[in-house]
């Protein structure tokens, strides 16, 4: 996925490995922004909590 595909509030589907607090029945999250140091990590809102994840762990939800 290119950095040009994501804008604030883009709905994403998490496809990575589970993390603490992750619920398999709710894999959707919302894009908040990129990390200031590069384009490979992003900030997302997941169930009301801001989380820092890698771009490779998400795809755009349809």
Protein backbone atom coordinates (compact mmCIF):
# COMPACT_ATOMS: atom_id res chain seq x y z
CA UNK A 1 0.00 0.00 0.00
CA UNK A 2 1.30 3.44 -0.88
CA UNK A 3 1.42 6.32 1.57
CA UNK A 4 -0.84 8.17 -0.87
CA UNK A 5 -3.74 5.79 -0.18
CA UNK A 6 -4.15 6.84 3.43
CA UNK A 7 -5.83 9.96 4.71
CA UNK A 8 -7.00 10.76 8.23
CA UNK A 9 -10.02 8.62 9.12
CA UNK A 10 -9.33 5.95 6.46
CA UNK A 11 -10.90 2.72 7.74
CA UNK A 12 -8.35 -0.09 7.96
CA UNK A 13 -8.47 -3.84 8.48
CA UNK A 14 -5.80 -5.27 10.79
CA UNK A 15 -4.18 -8.39 9.28
CA UNK A 16 -1.11 -8.69 11.52
CA UNK A 17 -0.45 -10.77 14.60
CA UNK A 18 -2.62 -10.13 17.59
CA UNK A 19 -1.54 -7.68 20.28
CA UNK A 20 -2.62 -7.00 23.84
CA UNK A 21 -6.21 -5.77 23.70
CA UNK A 22 -6.83 -6.99 20.13
CA UNK A 23 -10.20 -8.62 19.55
CA UNK A 24 -10.49 -10.96 16.56
CA UNK A 25 -14.18 -10.08 16.24
CA UNK A 26 -13.26 -6.40 15.76
CA UNK A 27 -10.29 -6.13 13.34
CA UNK A 28 -11.14 -2.61 12.06
CA UNK A 29 -9.28 0.54 13.00
CA UNK A 30 -9.01 4.12 11.79
CA UNK A 31 -5.88 5.77 10.41
CA UNK A 32 -4.67 8.77 12.43
CA UNK A 33 -1.29 9.61 10.88
CA UNK A 34 2.26 8.59 10.08
CA UNK A 35 5.21 8.41 12.42
CA UNK A 36 7.43 11.44 12.06
CA UNK A 37 10.50 9.28 11.37
CA UNK A 38 9.28 7.47 8.27
CA UNK A 39 6.44 5.93 6.32
CA UNK A 40 6.55 2.34 7.60
CA UNK A 41 4.80 2.88 10.94
CA UNK A 42 1.46 4.52 11.51
CA UNK A 43 -0.83 5.70 14.30
CA UNK A 44 -4.32 4.25 14.37
CA UNK A 45 -7.37 4.48 16.59
CA UNK A 46 -8.37 1.01 17.73
CA UNK A 47 -11.41 0.84 20.00
CA UNK A 48 -10.79 4.39 21.19
CA UNK A 49 -7.09 3.88 21.94
CA UNK A 50 -4.26 5.34 19.83
CA UNK A 51 -1.86 2.57 18.81
CA UNK A 52 1.41 2.57 16.90
CA UNK A 53 1.64 -0.26 14.34
CA UNK A 54 3.50 -1.09 11.14
CA UNK A 55 1.93 -0.32 7.79
CA UNK A 56 2.47 -3.94 6.71
CA UNK A 57 -0.06 -5.09 9.35
CA UNK A 58 -3.05 -3.34 7.77
CA UNK A 59 -4.94 -3.05 4.53
CA UNK A 60 -7.66 -0.65 3.48
CA UNK A 61 -11.07 -1.98 4.50
CA UNK A 62 -13.64 -2.24 1.75
